[in-house]
Amino acid sequence: MGFRRLILPENNRRSVDAPAALEVIGVRSIFEALELVVSE
């Protein structure tokens, strides 16, 4: 099982050094994060 996305607080998004294959998504609320998870 490999991860394709990383969901984290918007304020921390720029400080993450993620692999190029990983999509980094910044969110402002738990609700926004849940919408992303459920929409897939």
C-alpha atoms as a PDB file:
ATOM      1  CA  MET A   1       0.000   0.000   0.000  1.00  0.00           C
ATOM      2  CA  GLY A   2       1.577   3.244  -1.120  1.00  0.00           C
ATOM      3  CA  PHE A   3       0.404   6.722  -0.321  1.00  0.00           C
ATOM      4  CA  ARG A   4      -0.302   9.135  -3.176  1.00  0.00           C
ATOM      5  CA  ARG A   5      -1.407  12.195  -1.189  1.00  0.00           C
ATOM      6  CA  LEU A   6      -0.324  13.942   1.969  1.00  0.00           C
ATOM      7  CA  ILE A   7      -2.970  16.106   3.635  1.00  0.00           C
ATOM      8  CA  LEU A   8      -1.685  18.513   6.250  1.00  0.00           C
ATOM      9  CA  PRO A   9      -2.359  21.993   7.670  1.00  0.00           C
ATOM     10  CA  GLU A  10      -1.879  24.745   5.081  1.00  0.00           C
ATOM     11  CA  ASN A  11       0.647  26.505   7.338  1.00  0.00           C
ATOM     12  CA  ASN A  12       2.925  23.441   7.301  1.00  0.00           C
ATOM     13  CA  ARG A  13       2.673  22.721   3.589  1.00  0.00           C
ATOM     14  CA  ARG A  14       5.779  24.585   2.467  1.00  0.00           C
ATOM     15  CA  SER A  15       8.014  23.109   5.157  1.00  0.00           C
ATOM     16  CA  VAL A  16       7.481  19.503   3.997  1.00  0.00           C
ATOM     17  CA  ASP A  17      10.138  17.870   1.855  1.00  0.00           C
ATOM     18  CA  ALA A  18       7.995  15.221   0.164  1.00  0.00           C
ATOM     19  CA  PRO A  19       8.958  12.918  -2.711  1.00  0.00           C
ATOM     20  CA  ALA A  20       7.945  14.173  -6.166  1.00  0.00           C
ATOM     21  CA  ALA A  21       5.450  11.321  -6.573  1.00  0.00           C
ATOM     22  CA  LEU A  22       3.529  12.450  -3.481  1.00  0.00           C
ATOM     23  CA  GLU A  23       0.842  15.122  -3.873  1.00  0.00           C
ATOM     24  CA  VAL A  24       1.006  17.524  -0.921  1.00  0.00           C
ATOM     25  CA  ILE A  25      -2.345  19.150  -0.088  1.00  0.00           C
ATOM     26  CA  GLY A  26      -2.734  21.913   2.477  1.00  0.00           C
ATOM     27  CA  VAL A  27      -6.079  22.315   4.241  1.00  0.00           C
ATOM     28  CA  ARG A  28      -7.438  24.952   6.606  1.00  0.00           C
ATOM     29  CA  SER A  29      -9.868  22.777   8.564  1.00  0.00           C
ATOM     30  CA  ILE A  30     -10.712  19.204   9.492  1.00  0.00           C
ATOM     31  CA  PHE A  31     -13.876  19.556   7.420  1.00  0.00           C
ATOM     32  CA  GLU A  32     -11.823  20.423   4.336  1.00  0.00           C
ATOM     33  CA  ALA A  33      -9.550  17.408   4.944  1.00  0.00           C
ATOM     34  CA  LEU A  34     -12.531  15.083   5.331  1.00  0.00           C
ATOM     35  CA  GLU A  35     -14.053  16.364   2.096  1.00  0.00           C
ATOM     36  CA  LEU A  36     -10.847  15.416   0.283  1.00  0.00           C
ATOM     37  CA  VAL A  37     -10.752  11.952   1.822  1.00  0.00           C
ATOM     38  CA  VAL A  38     -14.420  11.179   1.190  1.00  0.00           C
ATOM     39  CA  SER A  39     -14.447  12.540  -2.373  1.00  0.00           C
ATOM     40  CA  GLU A  40     -12.071   9.860  -3.639  1.00  0.00           C
END
